[in-house]
PDB file of all heavy atoms in Angstrom:
ATOM      1  N   GLU A   1      -5.890   1.112 -14.267  1.00  0.00           N
ATOM      2  CA  GLU A   1      -4.775   1.125 -13.353  1.00  0.00           C
ATOM      3  C   GLU A   1      -5.276   1.492 -11.985  1.00  0.00           C
ATOM      4  O   GLU A   1      -6.276   2.184 -11.836  1.00  0.00           O
ATOM      5  CB  GLU A   1      -3.730   2.138 -13.821  1.00  0.00           C
ATOM      6  CG  GLU A   1      -3.076   1.762 -15.144  1.00  0.00           C
ATOM      7  CD  GLU A   1      -1.993   2.741 -15.553  1.00  0.00           C
ATOM      8  OE1 GLU A   1      -1.514   3.527 -14.674  1.00  0.00           O
ATOM      9  OE2 GLU A   1      -1.595   2.703 -16.716  1.00  0.00           O
ATOM     10  N   TYR A   2      -4.557   1.036 -10.937  1.00  0.00           N
ATOM     11  CA  TYR A   2      -4.988   1.279  -9.570  1.00  0.00           C
ATOM     12  C   TYR A   2      -3.846   1.880  -8.784  1.00  0.00           C
ATOM     13  O   TYR A   2      -2.713   1.465  -8.869  1.00  0.00           O
ATOM     14  CB  TYR A   2      -5.425  -0.045  -8.917  1.00  0.00           C
ATOM     15  CG  TYR A   2      -6.564  -0.701  -9.651  1.00  0.00           C
ATOM     16  CD1 TYR A   2      -6.340  -1.602 -10.683  1.00  0.00           C
ATOM     17  CD2 TYR A   2      -7.869  -0.392  -9.325  1.00  0.00           C
ATOM     18  CE1 TYR A   2      -7.382  -2.178 -11.360  1.00  0.00           C
ATOM     19  CE2 TYR A   2      -8.931  -0.988  -9.994  1.00  0.00           C
ATOM     20  CZ  TYR A   2      -8.674  -1.870 -11.025  1.00  0.00           C
ATOM     21  OH  TYR A   2      -9.707  -2.456 -11.702  1.00  0.00           O
ATOM     22  N   SER A   3      -4.173   2.871  -7.957  1.00  0.00           N
ATOM     23  CA  SER A   3      -3.208   3.430  -7.046  1.00  0.00           C
ATOM     24  C   SER A   3      -3.678   3.156  -5.611  1.00  0.00           C
ATOM     25  O   SER A   3      -4.884   3.146  -5.349  1.00  0.00           O
ATOM     26  CB  SER A   3      -2.983   4.928  -7.288  1.00  0.00           C
ATOM     27  OG  SER A   3      -4.185   5.624  -7.057  1.00  0.00           O
ATOM     28  N   TRP A   4      -2.727   2.932  -4.732  1.00  0.00           N
ATOM     29  CA  TRP A   4      -3.005   2.557  -3.351  1.00  0.00           C
ATOM     30  C   TRP A   4      -2.486   3.664  -2.421  1.00  0.00           C
ATOM     31  O   TRP A   4      -1.457   4.272  -2.659  1.00  0.00           O
ATOM     32  CB  TRP A   4      -2.294   1.276  -2.994  1.00  0.00           C
ATOM     33  CG  TRP A   4      -2.742   0.067  -3.734  1.00  0.00           C
ATOM     34  CD1 TRP A   4      -2.456  -0.270  -5.027  1.00  0.00           C
ATOM     35  CD2 TRP A   4      -3.551  -0.980  -3.236  1.00  0.00           C
ATOM     36  NE1 TRP A   4      -3.038  -1.472  -5.368  1.00  0.00           N
ATOM     37  CE2 TRP A   4      -3.720  -1.938  -4.251  1.00  0.00           C
ATOM     38  CE3 TRP A   4      -4.170  -1.223  -2.015  1.00  0.00           C
ATOM     39  CZ2 TRP A   4      -4.460  -3.080  -4.104  1.00  0.00           C
ATOM     40  CZ3 TRP A   4      -4.896  -2.376  -1.839  1.00  0.00           C
ATOM     41  CH2 TRP A   4      -5.059  -3.294  -2.868  1.00  0.00           C
ATOM     42  N   ALA A   5      -3.202   3.853  -1.313  1.00  0.00           N
ATOM     43  CA  ALA A   5      -2.727   4.763  -0.261  1.00  0.00           C
ATOM     44  C   ALA A   5      -3.211   4.196   1.079  1.00  0.00           C
ATOM     45  O   ALA A   5      -4.193   3.465   1.116  1.00  0.00           O
ATOM     46  CB  ALA A   5      -3.282   6.163  -0.469  1.00  0.00           C
ATOM     47  N   ALA A   6      -2.484   4.526   2.151  1.00  0.00           N
ATOM     48  CA  ALA A   6      -2.856   4.049   3.496  1.00  0.00           C
ATOM     49  C   ALA A   6      -2.588   5.137   4.514  1.00  0.00           C
ATOM     50  O   ALA A   6      -1.512   5.742   4.502  1.00  0.00           O
ATOM     51  CB  ALA A   6      -2.092   2.783   3.841  1.00  0.00           C
ATOM     52  N   THR A   7      -3.538   5.366   5.398  1.00  0.00           N
ATOM     53  CA  THR A   7      -3.277   6.278   6.531  1.00  0.00           C
ATOM     54  C   THR A   7      -2.640   5.441   7.643  1.00  0.00           C
ATOM     55  O   THR A   7      -2.902   4.270   7.762  1.00  0.00           O
ATOM     56  CB  THR A   7      -4.597   6.919   7.058  1.00  0.00           C
ATOM     57  OG1 THR A   7      -5.454   5.889   7.542  1.00  0.00           O
ATOM     58  CG2 THR A   7      -5.307   7.719   5.984  1.00  0.00           C
ATOM     59  N   GLY A   8      -1.792   6.062   8.429  1.00  0.00           N
ATOM     60  CA  GLY A   8      -1.205   5.369   9.580  1.00  0.00           C
ATOM     61  C   GLY A   8      -0.252   4.272   9.213  1.00  0.00           C
ATOM     62  O   GLY A   8       0.061   3.428  10.062  1.00  0.00           O
ATOM     63  N   GLY A   9       0.204   4.223   7.990  1.00  0.00           N
ATOM     64  CA  GLY A   9       1.119   3.164   7.601  1.00  0.00           C
ATOM     65  C   GLY A   9       1.952   3.538   6.391  1.00  0.00           C
ATOM     66  O   GLY A   9       1.741   4.588   5.791  1.00  0.00           O
ATOM     67  N   THR A  10       2.856   2.655   6.025  1.00  0.00           N
ATOM     68  CA  THR A  10       3.696   2.859   4.887  1.00  0.00           C
ATOM     69  C   THR A  10       3.491   1.716   3.930  1.00  0.00           C
ATOM     70  O   THR A  10       3.517   0.540   4.323  1.00  0.00           O
ATOM     71  CB  THR A  10       5.180   2.889   5.324  1.00  0.00           C
ATOM     72  OG1 THR A  10       5.342   3.909   6.295  1.00  0.00           O
ATOM     73  CG2 THR A  10       6.094   3.137   4.157  1.00  0.00           C
ATOM     74  N   LEU A  11       3.254   2.028   2.640  1.00  0.00           N
ATOM     75  CA  LEU A  11       3.186   0.984   1.621  1.00  0.00           C
ATOM     76  C   LEU A  11       4.592   0.445   1.430  1.00  0.00           C
ATOM     77  O   LEU A  11       5.479   1.159   1.029  1.00  0.00           O
ATOM     78  CB  LEU A  11       2.667   1.560   0.308  1.00  0.00           C
ATOM     79  CG  LEU A  11       1.204   1.965   0.278  1.00  0.00           C
ATOM     80  CD1 LEU A  11       0.894   2.770  -0.988  1.00  0.00           C
ATOM     81  CD2 LEU A  11       0.299   0.763   0.370  1.00  0.00           C
ATOM     82  N   ILE A  12       4.791  -0.838   1.733  1.00  0.00           N
ATOM     83  CA  ILE A  12       6.121  -1.398   1.586  1.00  0.00           C
ATOM     84  C   ILE A  12       6.313  -2.043   0.231  1.00  0.00           C
ATOM     85  O   ILE A  12       7.419  -2.185  -0.237  1.00  0.00           O
ATOM     86  CB  ILE A  12       6.480  -2.377   2.747  1.00  0.00           C
ATOM     87  CG1 ILE A  12       5.431  -3.476   2.877  1.00  0.00           C
ATOM     88  CG2 ILE A  12       6.647  -1.627   4.026  1.00  0.00           C
ATOM     89  CD1 ILE A  12       5.793  -4.522   3.907  1.00  0.00           C
ATOM     90  N   SER A  13       5.207  -2.428  -0.403  1.00  0.00           N
ATOM     91  CA  SER A  13       5.251  -2.887  -1.784  1.00  0.00           C
ATOM     92  C   SER A  13       3.852  -2.902  -2.325  1.00  0.00           C
ATOM     93  O   SER A  13       2.893  -3.121  -1.598  1.00  0.00           O
ATOM     94  CB  SER A  13       5.891  -4.288  -1.909  1.00  0.00           C
ATOM     95  OG  SER A  13       5.039  -5.232  -1.266  1.00  0.00           O
ATOM     96  N   TYR A  14       3.727  -2.605  -3.624  1.00  0.00           N
ATOM     97  CA  TYR A  14       2.400  -2.677  -4.247  1.00  0.00           C
ATOM     98  C   TYR A  14       2.530  -2.785  -5.742  1.00  0.00           C
ATOM     99  O   TYR A  14       3.553  -2.438  -6.316  1.00  0.00           O
ATOM    100  CB  TYR A  14       1.535  -1.455  -3.852  1.00  0.00           C
ATOM    101  CG  TYR A  14       2.066  -0.129  -4.328  1.00  0.00           C
ATOM    102  CD1 TYR A  14       1.599   0.436  -5.503  1.00  0.00           C
ATOM    103  CD2 TYR A  14       2.974   0.573  -3.573  1.00  0.00           C
ATOM    104  CE1 TYR A  14       2.093   1.649  -5.934  1.00  0.00           C
ATOM    105  CE2 TYR A  14       3.453   1.785  -3.985  1.00  0.00           C
ATOM    106  CZ  TYR A  14       3.004   2.328  -5.157  1.00  0.00           C
ATOM    107  OH  TYR A  14       3.490   3.543  -5.570  1.00  0.00           O
ATOM    108  N   ASN A  15       1.491  -3.339  -6.339  1.00  0.00           N
ATOM    109  CA  ASN A  15       1.368  -3.376  -7.785  1.00  0.00           C
ATOM    110  C   ASN A  15      -0.108  -3.108  -8.098  1.00  0.00           C
ATOM    111  O   ASN A  15      -0.838  -2.615  -7.253  1.00  0.00           O
ATOM    112  CB  ASN A  15       1.906  -4.689  -8.364  1.00  0.00           C
ATOM    113  CG  ASN A  15       1.198  -5.903  -7.798  1.00  0.00           C
ATOM    114  OD1 ASN A  15       0.013  -5.849  -7.489  1.00  0.00           O
ATOM    115  ND2 ASN A  15       1.911  -6.997  -7.666  1.00  0.00           N
ATOM    116  N   GLN A  16      -0.554  -3.459  -9.233  1.00  0.00           N
ATOM    117  CA  GLN A  16      -1.927  -3.133  -9.646  1.00  0.00           C
ATOM    118  C   GLN A  16      -2.993  -3.823  -8.784  1.00  0.00           C
ATOM    119  O   GLN A  16      -4.040  -3.281  -8.551  1.00  0.00           O
ATOM    120  CB  GLN A  16      -2.152  -3.506 -11.097  1.00  0.00           C
ATOM    121  CG  GLN A  16      -1.397  -2.596 -12.060  1.00  0.00           C
ATOM    122  CD  GLN A  16      -1.870  -1.154 -11.945  1.00  0.00           C
ATOM    123  OE1 GLN A  16      -3.038  -0.847 -12.102  1.00  0.00           O
ATOM    124  NE2 GLN A  16      -0.942  -0.265 -11.630  1.00  0.00           N
ATOM    125  N   HIS A  17      -2.733  -5.035  -8.294  1.00  0.00           N
ATOM    126  CA  HIS A  17      -3.786  -5.736  -7.590  1.00  0.00           C
ATOM    127  C   HIS A  17      -3.461  -6.113  -6.150  1.00  0.00           C
ATOM    128  O   HIS A  17      -4.305  -6.611  -5.441  1.00  0.00           O
ATOM    129  CB  HIS A  17      -4.208  -7.013  -8.362  1.00  0.00           C
ATOM    130  CG  HIS A  17      -3.152  -8.042  -8.442  1.00  0.00           C
ATOM    131  ND1 HIS A  17      -2.129  -7.964  -9.334  1.00  0.00           N
ATOM    132  CD2 HIS A  17      -2.979  -9.187  -7.717  1.00  0.00           C
ATOM    133  CE1 HIS A  17      -1.333  -9.027  -9.154  1.00  0.00           C
ATOM    134  NE2 HIS A  17      -1.844  -9.763  -8.209  1.00  0.00           N
ATOM    135  N   THR A  18      -2.236  -5.838  -5.656  1.00  0.00           N
ATOM    136  CA  THR A  18      -1.844  -6.234  -4.278  1.00  0.00           C
ATOM    137  C   THR A  18      -1.002  -5.135  -3.647  1.00  0.00           C
ATOM    138  O   THR A  18      -0.148  -4.558  -4.302  1.00  0.00           O
ATOM    139  CB  THR A  18      -1.052  -7.530  -4.315  1.00  0.00           C
ATOM    140  OG1 THR A  18      -1.785  -8.547  -4.974  1.00  0.00           O
ATOM    141  CG2 THR A  18      -0.698  -8.006  -2.921  1.00  0.00           C
ATOM    142  N   ALA A  19      -1.232  -4.909  -2.346  1.00  0.00           N
ATOM    143  CA  ALA A  19      -0.404  -3.989  -1.593  1.00  0.00           C
ATOM    144  C   ALA A  19      -0.077  -4.585  -0.242  1.00  0.00           C
ATOM    145  O   ALA A  19      -0.933  -5.202   0.400  1.00  0.00           O
ATOM    146  CB  ALA A  19      -1.125  -2.648  -1.393  1.00  0.00           C
ATOM    147  N   SER A  20       1.172  -4.424   0.205  1.00  0.00           N
ATOM    148  CA  SER A  20       1.597  -4.810   1.533  1.00  0.00           C
ATOM    149  C   SER A  20       1.835  -3.523   2.313  1.00  0.00           C
ATOM    150  O   SER A  20       2.504  -2.596   1.811  1.00  0.00           O
ATOM    151  CB  SER A  20       2.867  -5.637   1.495  1.00  0.00           C
ATOM    152  OG  SER A  20       2.600  -6.865   0.896  1.00  0.00           O
ATOM    153  N   ILE A  21       1.297  -3.452   3.529  1.00  0.00           N
ATOM    154  CA  ILE A  21       1.362  -2.226   4.310  1.00  0.00           C
ATOM    155  C   ILE A  21       2.021  -2.512   5.653  1.00  0.00           C
ATOM    156  O   ILE A  21       1.676  -3.479   6.312  1.00  0.00           O
ATOM    157  CB  ILE A  21      -0.040  -1.625   4.501  1.00  0.00           C
ATOM    158  CG1 ILE A  21      -0.673  -1.329   3.158  1.00  0.00           C
ATOM    159  CG2 ILE A  21       0.022  -0.372   5.380  1.00  0.00           C
ATOM    160  CD1 ILE A  21      -2.134  -1.050   3.214  1.00  0.00           C
ATOM    161  N   ASN A  22       2.970  -1.687   6.048  1.00  0.00           N
ATOM    162  CA  ASN A  22       3.570  -1.720   7.358  1.00  0.00           C
ATOM    163  C   ASN A  22       2.895  -0.665   8.207  1.00  0.00           C
ATOM    164  O   ASN A  22       3.122   0.533   8.028  1.00  0.00           O
ATOM    165  CB  ASN A  22       5.073  -1.472   7.288  1.00  0.00           C
ATOM    166  CG  ASN A  22       5.750  -1.541   8.631  1.00  0.00           C
ATOM    167  OD1 ASN A  22       5.234  -2.172   9.546  1.00  0.00           O
ATOM    168  ND2 ASN A  22       6.866  -0.884   8.764  1.00  0.00           N
ATOM    169  N   TRP A  23       1.993  -1.090   9.124  1.00  0.00           N
ATOM    170  CA  TRP A  23       1.255  -0.129   9.929  1.00  0.00           C
ATOM    171  C   TRP A  23       2.205   0.434  10.999  1.00  0.00           C
ATOM    172  O   TRP A  23       2.892  -0.293  11.681  1.00  0.00           O
ATOM    173  CB  TRP A  23       0.068  -0.810  10.582  1.00  0.00           C
ATOM    174  CG  TRP A  23      -0.901  -1.317   9.570  1.00  0.00           C
ATOM    175  CD1 TRP A  23      -1.118  -2.601   9.205  1.00  0.00           C
ATOM    176  CD2 TRP A  23      -1.773  -0.508   8.740  1.00  0.00           C
ATOM    177  NE1 TRP A  23      -2.063  -2.666   8.217  1.00  0.00           N
ATOM    178  CE2 TRP A  23      -2.484  -1.394   7.919  1.00  0.00           C
ATOM    179  CE3 TRP A  23      -1.989   0.846   8.644  1.00  0.00           C
ATOM    180  CZ2 TRP A  23      -3.416  -0.951   6.974  1.00  0.00           C
ATOM    181  CZ3 TRP A  23      -2.932   1.300   7.720  1.00  0.00           C
ATOM    182  CH2 TRP A  23      -3.620   0.406   6.912  1.00  0.00           C
ATOM    183  N   THR A  24       2.210   1.784  11.130  1.00  0.00           N
ATOM    184  CA  THR A  24       3.076   2.459  12.075  1.00  0.00           C
ATOM    185  C   THR A  24       2.308   3.158  13.169  1.00  0.00           C
ATOM    186  O   THR A  24       2.915   3.678  14.107  1.00  0.00           O
ATOM    187  CB  THR A  24       3.974   3.466  11.346  1.00  0.00           C
ATOM    188  OG1 THR A  24       3.147   4.345  10.589  1.00  0.00           O
ATOM    189  CG2 THR A  24       4.920   2.763  10.379  1.00  0.00           C
TER     190      THR A  24
END
């Protein structure tokens, strides 16, 4: 299983293999 995190942004959607990030 995979978990995603992003600095300076918000994960707007994610699953095991893909993440969409809204950079703020």
